[in-house]
Amino acid sequence: MMRAVAFLIIGLAFGGGIGFWLGADQPAMDHDLTVGEVDHSAHNHETVVSVPAGPGAPGLKLSVVKDPETGWNLHIQTWNFTFAAANAGATHKDGEGHAHLYINGEKRARVYGDWFHIAALPAGQVQVSVSLNTNDHHALAVDGVPLIETLLIENR
């Protein structure tokens, strides 16, 4: 009996460690937009980092679909841009950063990957916007035009 308990403890220790190790490499996400307020005071979102237009310029396209169980699933497709959760808050590096999610013009979350679950949206017509931002939280632009896309969703 003691041997079985010892194996159970060893298995839990190794299993937990492996799960932590595997999970540490995944992008961080805020899965519930209905909890708490976002503190915007620490970052300057007014400054824009503009890159020249051309084949190497970053871009973005959005789609939002109703989740079969609850809420909505946001898909953020980017090109010439890499989500870099580990570098959030670090110095600017061309081609990487994170996204900011806005619901009806109000910033609700930072997004560090191409899929994001929105737990709930207000009823009626809802404006869902996403901007691409540098690691140091500046707005990203191409030829001075901010990289932000907006969709209108009818939430019934």
N, C-alpha and C. Protein backbone atom coordinates (compact mmCIF):
# COMPACT_ATOMS: atom_id res chain seq x y z
N MET A 1 0.82 -1.20 0.00
CA MET A 1 0.00 0.00 0.00
C MET A 1 0.86 1.26 0.00
N MET A 2 1.90 1.30 0.84
CA MET A 2 2.78 2.46 0.92
C MET A 2 3.48 2.70 -0.41
N ARG A 3 3.79 1.60 -1.10
CA ARG A 3 4.47 1.72 -2.39
C ARG A 3 3.55 2.40 -3.41
N ALA A 4 2.27 2.06 -3.41
CA ALA A 4 1.30 2.67 -4.32
C ALA A 4 1.16 4.16 -4.04
N VAL A 5 1.14 4.54 -2.77
CA VAL A 5 1.03 5.95 -2.39
C VAL A 5 2.28 6.70 -2.86
N ALA A 6 3.45 6.07 -2.69
CA ALA A 6 4.70 6.71 -3.12
C ALA A 6 4.69 6.93 -4.63
N PHE A 7 4.25 5.93 -5.41
CA PHE A 7 4.16 6.08 -6.86
C PHE A 7 3.16 7.17 -7.25
N LEU A 8 2.06 7.25 -6.53
CA LEU A 8 1.06 8.28 -6.79
C LEU A 8 1.66 9.67 -6.60
N ILE A 9 2.39 9.86 -5.51
CA ILE A 9 3.00 11.16 -5.22
C ILE A 9 4.05 11.50 -6.28
N ILE A 10 4.87 10.53 -6.65
CA ILE A 10 5.88 10.76 -7.69
C ILE A 10 5.20 11.10 -9.02
N GLY A 11 4.15 10.37 -9.36
CA GLY A 11 3.42 10.65 -10.61
C GLY A 11 2.81 12.04 -10.63
N LEU A 12 2.22 12.45 -9.51
CA LEU A 12 1.65 13.79 -9.43
C LEU A 12 2.73 14.87 -9.57
N ALA A 13 3.87 14.65 -8.94
CA ALA A 13 4.96 15.63 -9.00
C ALA A 13 5.46 15.78 -10.44
N PHE A 14 5.73 14.64 -11.10
CA PHE A 14 6.22 14.70 -12.47
C PHE A 14 5.15 15.20 -13.43
N GLY A 15 3.92 14.73 -13.25
CA GLY A 15 2.82 15.16 -14.12
C GLY A 15 2.57 16.65 -14.01
N GLY A 16 2.56 17.16 -12.79
CA GLY A 16 2.38 18.60 -12.58
C GLY A 16 3.51 19.40 -13.17
N GLY A 17 4.73 18.92 -13.00
CA GLY A 17 5.89 19.62 -13.56
C GLY A 17 5.87 19.65 -15.07
N ILE A 18 5.52 18.53 -15.69
CA ILE A 18 5.45 18.48 -17.15
C ILE A 18 4.32 19.38 -17.65
N GLY A 19 3.17 19.37 -16.96
CA GLY A 19 2.07 20.25 -17.35
C GLY A 19 2.46 21.71 -17.24
N PHE A 20 3.17 22.08 -16.18
CA PHE A 20 3.63 23.45 -16.03
C PHE A 20 4.60 23.81 -17.14
N TRP A 21 5.53 22.91 -17.43
CA TRP A 21 6.53 23.15 -18.48
C TRP A 21 5.87 23.34 -19.83
N LEU A 22 4.90 22.48 -20.17
CA LEU A 22 4.20 22.61 -21.45
C LEU A 22 3.37 23.88 -21.49
N GLY A 23 2.70 24.22 -20.41
CA GLY A 23 1.85 25.41 -20.38
C GLY A 23 2.64 26.70 -20.39
N ALA A 24 3.87 26.69 -19.90
CA ALA A 24 4.67 27.92 -19.84
C ALA A 24 5.01 28.44 -21.22
N ASP A 25 4.97 27.60 -22.24
CA ASP A 25 5.32 28.02 -23.59
C ASP A 25 4.11 28.56 -24.36
N GLN A 26 2.93 28.52 -23.75
CA GLN A 26 1.72 28.96 -24.43
C GLN A 26 1.50 30.46 -24.22
N PRO A 27 0.92 31.16 -25.21
CA PRO A 27 0.66 32.58 -25.04
C PRO A 27 -0.34 32.82 -23.91
N ALA A 28 -0.08 33.88 -23.15
CA ALA A 28 -1.00 34.23 -22.07
C ALA A 28 -2.23 34.89 -22.65
N MET A 29 -3.41 34.59 -22.08
CA MET A 29 -4.64 35.20 -22.56
C MET A 29 -5.55 35.49 -21.39
N ASP A 30 -6.29 36.57 -21.51
CA ASP A 30 -7.32 36.90 -20.54
C ASP A 30 -8.62 36.36 -21.13
N HIS A 31 -9.16 35.31 -20.51
CA HIS A 31 -10.31 34.63 -21.10
C HIS A 31 -11.65 35.21 -20.69
N ASP A 32 -11.69 36.09 -19.72
CA ASP A 32 -12.98 36.57 -19.25
C ASP A 32 -12.98 38.09 -19.21
N LEU A 33 -13.65 38.69 -20.17
CA LEU A 33 -13.68 40.13 -20.27
C LEU A 33 -14.67 40.76 -19.31
N THR A 34 -15.40 39.97 -18.59
CA THR A 34 -16.41 40.55 -17.71
C THR A 34 -15.88 40.82 -16.31
N VAL A 35 -14.63 40.49 -16.04
CA VAL A 35 -14.07 40.65 -14.71
C VAL A 35 -13.11 41.83 -14.69
N GLY A 36 -13.30 42.77 -13.75
CA GLY A 36 -12.34 43.83 -13.48
C GLY A 36 -12.21 44.88 -14.56
N GLU A 37 -11.42 45.87 -14.24
CA GLU A 37 -11.14 46.98 -15.15
C GLU A 37 -9.69 46.87 -15.62
N VAL A 38 -9.40 47.42 -16.78
CA VAL A 38 -8.05 47.42 -17.32
C VAL A 38 -7.38 48.73 -16.92
N ASP A 39 -6.16 48.67 -16.38
CA ASP A 39 -5.41 49.86 -16.01
C ASP A 39 -4.61 50.33 -17.21
N HIS A 40 -4.94 51.51 -17.73
CA HIS A 40 -4.27 52.05 -18.91
C HIS A 40 -3.21 53.07 -18.55
N SER A 41 -3.03 53.39 -17.30
CA SER A 41 -2.17 54.50 -16.91
C SER A 41 -0.69 54.24 -17.15
N ALA A 42 -0.27 53.01 -17.20
CA ALA A 42 1.16 52.71 -17.27
C ALA A 42 1.73 52.79 -18.67
N HIS A 43 0.92 52.94 -19.69
CA HIS A 43 1.42 52.89 -21.06
C HIS A 43 0.99 54.11 -21.85
N ASN A 44 1.85 54.51 -22.78
CA ASN A 44 1.52 55.62 -23.66
C ASN A 44 1.05 55.06 -24.99
N HIS A 45 -0.27 55.06 -25.20
CA HIS A 45 -0.83 54.54 -26.44
C HIS A 45 -0.92 55.61 -27.51
N GLU A 46 -0.54 56.85 -27.16
CA GLU A 46 -0.62 57.95 -28.12
C GLU A 46 0.51 57.89 -29.15
N THR A 47 1.68 57.40 -28.74
CA THR A 47 2.83 57.34 -29.63
C THR A 47 2.62 56.24 -30.67
N VAL A 48 2.93 56.56 -31.92
CA VAL A 48 2.75 55.60 -33.01
C VAL A 48 4.11 55.23 -33.58
N VAL A 49 4.32 53.94 -33.80
CA VAL A 49 5.49 53.46 -34.51
C VAL A 49 5.02 53.12 -35.91
N SER A 50 5.48 53.89 -36.88
CA SER A 50 5.04 53.71 -38.26
C SER A 50 6.13 53.04 -39.09
N VAL A 51 5.73 52.04 -39.85
CA VAL A 51 6.64 51.36 -40.76
C VAL A 51 6.21 51.66 -42.19
N PRO A 52 7.13 51.60 -43.14
CA PRO A 52 6.74 51.90 -44.52
C PRO A 52 5.85 50.80 -45.12
N ALA A 53 4.98 51.22 -46.02
CA ALA A 53 4.14 50.25 -46.75
C ALA A 53 5.02 49.42 -47.66
N GLY A 54 4.52 48.29 -48.06
CA GLY A 54 5.26 47.41 -48.96
C GLY A 54 5.02 45.97 -48.60
N PRO A 55 5.67 45.06 -49.31
CA PRO A 55 5.41 43.63 -49.09
C PRO A 55 5.79 43.15 -47.69
N GLY A 56 6.68 43.83 -46.98
CA GLY A 56 7.08 43.42 -45.64
C GLY A 56 6.30 44.09 -44.53
N ALA A 57 5.32 44.93 -44.89
CA ALA A 57 4.56 45.66 -43.87
C ALA A 57 3.59 44.72 -43.14
N PRO A 58 3.40 44.94 -41.85
CA PRO A 58 2.45 44.12 -41.11
C PRO A 58 1.02 44.45 -41.51
N GLY A 59 0.13 43.50 -41.27
CA GLY A 59 -1.29 43.70 -41.55
C GLY A 59 -2.14 42.84 -40.66
N LEU A 60 -3.46 43.10 -40.70
CA LEU A 60 -4.36 42.35 -39.85
C LEU A 60 -5.75 42.27 -40.44
N LYS A 61 -6.43 41.15 -40.14
CA LYS A 61 -7.80 40.90 -40.57
C LYS A 61 -8.51 40.20 -39.42
N LEU A 62 -9.76 40.61 -39.16
CA LEU A 62 -10.54 40.04 -38.05
C LEU A 62 -11.72 39.24 -38.54
N SER A 63 -12.10 38.25 -37.72
CA SER A 63 -13.39 37.59 -37.88
C SER A 63 -13.87 37.24 -36.47
N VAL A 64 -15.19 37.32 -36.29
CA VAL A 64 -15.81 36.99 -35.00
C VAL A 64 -16.96 36.04 -35.29
N VAL A 65 -16.98 34.93 -34.56
CA VAL A 65 -18.07 33.96 -34.73
C VAL A 65 -18.65 33.64 -33.36
N LYS A 66 -19.95 33.40 -33.35
CA LYS A 66 -20.64 33.02 -32.12
C LYS A 66 -20.11 31.66 -31.66
N ASP A 67 -19.73 31.57 -30.40
CA ASP A 67 -19.28 30.30 -29.85
C ASP A 67 -20.50 29.40 -29.67
N PRO A 68 -20.39 28.10 -29.99
CA PRO A 68 -21.55 27.22 -29.87
C PRO A 68 -22.08 27.07 -28.43
N GLU A 69 -21.24 27.35 -27.43
CA GLU A 69 -21.68 27.21 -26.05
C GLU A 69 -22.00 28.56 -25.41
N THR A 70 -21.05 29.49 -25.44
CA THR A 70 -21.26 30.79 -24.82
C THR A 70 -20.27 31.81 -25.37
N GLY A 71 -20.70 33.04 -25.51
CA GLY A 71 -19.80 34.10 -25.94
C GLY A 71 -19.48 34.08 -27.42
N TRP A 72 -18.33 34.63 -27.74
CA TRP A 72 -17.89 34.82 -29.12
C TRP A 72 -16.42 34.45 -29.25
N ASN A 73 -16.01 33.97 -30.42
CA ASN A 73 -14.61 33.65 -30.70
C ASN A 73 -14.07 34.63 -31.72
N LEU A 74 -13.02 35.32 -31.32
CA LEU A 74 -12.36 36.32 -32.16
C LEU A 74 -11.12 35.69 -32.79
N HIS A 75 -11.01 35.81 -34.10
CA HIS A 75 -9.81 35.32 -34.80
C HIS A 75 -9.08 36.53 -35.38
N ILE A 76 -7.83 36.69 -34.98
CA ILE A 76 -6.99 37.79 -35.44
C ILE A 76 -5.94 37.21 -36.36
N GLN A 77 -6.11 37.46 -37.65
CA GLN A 77 -5.12 36.99 -38.63
C GLN A 77 -4.14 38.13 -38.88
N THR A 78 -2.85 37.83 -38.77
CA THR A 78 -1.82 38.84 -39.02
C THR A 78 -0.84 38.32 -40.06
N TRP A 79 -0.15 39.24 -40.68
CA TRP A 79 0.98 38.87 -41.54
C TRP A 79 2.09 39.85 -41.26
N ASN A 80 3.31 39.37 -41.40
CA ASN A 80 4.52 40.14 -41.08
C ASN A 80 4.47 40.69 -39.65
N PHE A 81 3.87 39.92 -38.76
CA PHE A 81 3.73 40.30 -37.36
C PHE A 81 3.65 39.02 -36.54
N THR A 82 4.37 38.98 -35.42
CA THR A 82 4.37 37.82 -34.53
C THR A 82 3.94 38.26 -33.14
N PHE A 83 2.98 37.53 -32.58
CA PHE A 83 2.59 37.78 -31.19
C PHE A 83 3.75 37.34 -30.30
N ALA A 84 4.17 38.22 -29.38
CA ALA A 84 5.34 37.94 -28.54
C ALA A 84 5.01 38.23 -27.08
N ALA A 85 4.23 37.36 -26.47
CA ALA A 85 3.79 37.56 -25.08
C ALA A 85 4.98 37.71 -24.13
N ALA A 86 6.02 36.97 -24.35
CA ALA A 86 7.19 37.01 -23.46
C ALA A 86 7.89 38.37 -23.50
N ASN A 87 7.66 39.15 -24.56
CA ASN A 87 8.34 40.45 -24.70
C ASN A 87 7.43 41.63 -24.41
N ALA A 88 6.21 41.39 -23.91
CA ALA A 88 5.30 42.49 -23.59
C ALA A 88 5.95 43.40 -22.55
N GLY A 89 6.02 44.69 -22.86
CA GLY A 89 6.64 45.65 -21.98
C GLY A 89 8.12 45.86 -22.27
N ALA A 90 8.70 45.02 -23.10
CA ALA A 90 10.12 45.16 -23.46
C ALA A 90 10.26 46.22 -24.55
N THR A 91 11.47 46.44 -24.98
CA THR A 91 11.72 47.44 -26.03
C THR A 91 11.14 46.97 -27.36
N HIS A 92 10.90 47.92 -28.23
CA HIS A 92 10.33 47.64 -29.55
C HIS A 92 11.28 46.78 -30.37
N LYS A 93 10.70 45.81 -31.05
CA LYS A 93 11.43 44.98 -32.00
C LYS A 93 10.53 44.87 -33.22
N ASP A 94 11.05 45.24 -34.39
CA ASP A 94 10.25 45.20 -35.62
C ASP A 94 9.58 43.84 -35.80
N GLY A 95 8.29 43.89 -36.15
CA GLY A 95 7.56 42.68 -36.51
C GLY A 95 6.97 41.89 -35.37
N GLU A 96 7.05 42.40 -34.13
CA GLU A 96 6.44 41.65 -33.04
C GLU A 96 5.77 42.58 -32.04
N GLY A 97 4.86 41.99 -31.25
CA GLY A 97 4.15 42.75 -30.24
C GLY A 97 2.92 42.00 -29.78
N HIS A 98 1.83 42.74 -29.56
CA HIS A 98 0.58 42.18 -29.08
C HIS A 98 -0.56 43.00 -29.65
N ALA A 99 -1.78 42.60 -29.34
CA ALA A 99 -2.96 43.32 -29.83
C ALA A 99 -3.72 43.89 -28.64
N HIS A 100 -4.49 44.94 -28.91
CA HIS A 100 -5.42 45.49 -27.92
C HIS A 100 -6.82 45.27 -28.45
N LEU A 101 -7.69 44.78 -27.59
CA LEU A 101 -9.09 44.53 -27.94
C LEU A 101 -9.96 45.63 -27.35
N TYR A 102 -10.81 46.21 -28.20
CA TYR A 102 -11.74 47.25 -27.78
C TYR A 102 -13.16 46.79 -28.06
N ILE A 103 -14.04 46.99 -27.10
CA ILE A 103 -15.46 46.72 -27.28
C ILE A 103 -16.18 48.07 -27.15
N ASN A 104 -16.85 48.47 -28.22
CA ASN A 104 -17.54 49.77 -28.27
C ASN A 104 -16.61 50.91 -27.86
N GLY A 105 -15.35 50.85 -28.35
CA GLY A 105 -14.39 51.92 -28.13
C GLY A 105 -13.64 51.86 -26.81
N GLU A 106 -13.99 50.93 -25.93
CA GLU A 106 -13.33 50.81 -24.63
C GLU A 106 -12.34 49.66 -24.65
N LYS A 107 -11.09 49.95 -24.27
CA LYS A 107 -10.09 48.88 -24.23
C LYS A 107 -10.49 47.87 -23.16
N ARG A 108 -10.53 46.60 -23.56
CA ARG A 108 -10.96 45.53 -22.65
C ARG A 108 -9.86 44.53 -22.34
N ALA A 109 -8.89 44.36 -23.24
CA ALA A 109 -7.86 43.33 -22.99
C ALA A 109 -6.67 43.51 -23.90
N ARG A 110 -5.56 42.93 -23.46
CA ARG A 110 -4.41 42.70 -24.33
C ARG A 110 -4.55 41.28 -24.84
N VAL A 111 -4.16 41.06 -26.08
CA VAL A 111 -4.26 39.73 -26.67
C VAL A 111 -2.87 39.32 -27.16
N TYR A 112 -2.47 38.10 -26.83
CA TYR A 112 -1.13 37.60 -27.16
C TYR A 112 -1.16 36.42 -28.12
N GLY A 113 -2.23 36.25 -28.85
CA GLY A 113 -2.32 35.14 -29.79
C GLY A 113 -3.39 35.42 -30.82
N ASP A 114 -3.55 34.52 -31.77
CA ASP A 114 -4.47 34.79 -32.88
C ASP A 114 -5.92 34.42 -32.59
N TRP A 115 -6.21 33.72 -31.49
CA TRP A 115 -7.59 33.41 -31.10
C TRP A 115 -7.83 33.97 -29.71
N PHE A 116 -9.06 34.48 -29.50
CA PHE A 116 -9.42 35.03 -28.21
C PHE A 116 -10.91 34.80 -27.98
N HIS A 117 -11.27 34.29 -26.81
CA HIS A 117 -12.67 34.07 -26.47
C HIS A 117 -13.20 35.28 -25.72
N ILE A 118 -14.27 35.86 -26.24
CA ILE A 118 -14.95 36.97 -25.59
C ILE A 118 -16.14 36.37 -24.85
N ALA A 119 -16.11 36.42 -23.53
CA ALA A 119 -17.11 35.74 -22.71
C ALA A 119 -18.51 36.30 -22.94
N ALA A 120 -18.63 37.63 -23.07
CA ALA A 120 -19.95 38.23 -23.23
C ALA A 120 -19.81 39.57 -23.95
N LEU A 121 -20.83 39.91 -24.71
CA LEU A 121 -20.92 41.22 -25.37
C LEU A 121 -22.24 41.85 -24.97
N PRO A 122 -22.30 43.18 -24.97
CA PRO A 122 -23.58 43.83 -24.68
C PRO A 122 -24.60 43.50 -25.77
N ALA A 123 -25.85 43.61 -25.45
CA ALA A 123 -26.92 43.34 -26.43
C ALA A 123 -26.94 44.45 -27.48
N GLY A 124 -27.40 44.09 -28.66
CA GLY A 124 -27.54 45.05 -29.76
C GLY A 124 -26.32 45.07 -30.65
N GLN A 125 -26.15 46.19 -31.35
CA GLN A 125 -25.01 46.32 -32.26
C GLN A 125 -23.76 46.67 -31.45
N VAL A 126 -22.70 45.86 -31.64
CA VAL A 126 -21.48 46.00 -30.86
C VAL A 126 -20.31 46.19 -31.82
N GLN A 127 -19.46 47.15 -31.48
CA GLN A 127 -18.26 47.42 -32.27
C GLN A 127 -17.09 46.69 -31.61
N VAL A 128 -16.48 45.75 -32.35
CA VAL A 128 -15.31 45.00 -31.87
C VAL A 128 -14.12 45.45 -32.71
N SER A 129 -13.12 46.03 -32.03
CA SER A 129 -11.93 46.54 -32.72
C SER A 129 -10.68 45.91 -32.13
N VAL A 130 -9.68 45.72 -32.98
CA VAL A 130 -8.39 45.20 -32.55
C VAL A 130 -7.30 46.05 -33.19
N SER A 131 -6.34 46.46 -32.38
CA SER A 131 -5.18 47.18 -32.89
C SER A 131 -3.93 46.34 -32.66
N LEU A 132 -2.96 46.49 -33.54
CA LEU A 132 -1.66 45.85 -33.32
C LEU A 132 -0.77 46.87 -32.64
N ASN A 133 0.01 46.38 -31.67
CA ASN A 133 0.85 47.26 -30.87
C ASN A 133 2.23 46.66 -30.72
N THR A 134 3.21 47.53 -30.52
CA THR A 134 4.58 47.09 -30.34
C THR A 134 4.75 46.49 -28.94
N ASN A 135 5.89 45.85 -28.71
CA ASN A 135 6.16 45.28 -27.38
C ASN A 135 6.03 46.34 -26.29
N ASP A 136 6.48 47.57 -26.59
CA ASP A 136 6.45 48.64 -25.59
C ASP A 136 5.14 49.42 -25.63
N HIS A 137 4.08 48.81 -26.18
CA HIS A 137 2.69 49.28 -26.11
C HIS A 137 2.35 50.45 -27.02
N HIS A 138 3.24 50.83 -27.93
CA HIS A 138 2.91 51.90 -28.86
C HIS A 138 2.04 51.35 -29.98
N ALA A 139 1.17 52.20 -30.51
CA ALA A 139 0.33 51.79 -31.64
C ALA A 139 1.23 51.54 -32.84
N LEU A 140 0.92 50.50 -33.60
CA LEU A 140 1.67 50.17 -34.81
C LEU A 140 0.90 50.71 -36.01
N ALA A 141 1.62 51.31 -36.95
CA ALA A 141 0.99 51.91 -38.13
C ALA A 141 1.80 51.59 -39.38
N VAL A 142 1.13 51.66 -40.52
CA VAL A 142 1.80 51.51 -41.82
C VAL A 142 1.61 52.83 -42.56
N ASP A 143 2.72 53.47 -42.90
CA ASP A 143 2.70 54.80 -43.52
C ASP A 143 1.82 55.78 -42.74
N GLY A 144 1.89 55.71 -41.42
CA GLY A 144 1.15 56.64 -40.57
C GLY A 144 -0.29 56.26 -40.29
N VAL A 145 -0.79 55.20 -40.93
CA VAL A 145 -2.18 54.76 -40.71
C VAL A 145 -2.17 53.64 -39.67
N PRO A 146 -2.79 53.88 -38.50
CA PRO A 146 -2.77 52.86 -37.45
C PRO A 146 -3.36 51.52 -37.92
N LEU A 147 -2.74 50.43 -37.48
CA LEU A 147 -3.21 49.09 -37.80
C LEU A 147 -4.31 48.72 -36.81
N ILE A 148 -5.52 49.05 -37.17
CA ILE A 148 -6.69 48.74 -36.37
C ILE A 148 -7.81 48.32 -37.30
N GLU A 149 -8.49 47.24 -36.94
CA GLU A 149 -9.63 46.75 -37.72
C GLU A 149 -10.84 46.71 -36.82
N THR A 150 -12.00 46.98 -37.41
CA THR A 150 -13.24 47.02 -36.65
C THR A 150 -14.33 46.22 -37.35
N LEU A 151 -15.08 45.45 -36.57
CA LEU A 151 -16.24 44.72 -37.06
C LEU A 151 -17.46 45.14 -36.25
N LEU A 152 -18.62 45.17 -36.90
CA LEU A 152 -19.88 45.41 -36.20
C LEU A 152 -20.58 44.07 -36.05
N ILE A 153 -20.95 43.73 -34.81
CA ILE A 153 -21.59 42.47 -34.49
C ILE A 153 -22.99 42.77 -33.98
N GLU A 154 -23.97 42.01 -34.45
CA GLU A 154 -25.32 42.13 -33.92
C GLU A 154 -25.50 41.03 -32.88
N ASN A 155 -25.55 41.43 -31.62
CA ASN A 155 -25.66 40.48 -30.52
C ASN A 155 -27.11 40.46 -30.03
N ARG A 156 -27.81 39.39 -30.32
CA ARG A 156 -29.22 39.25 -29.92
C ARG A 156 -29.36 38.32 -28.75
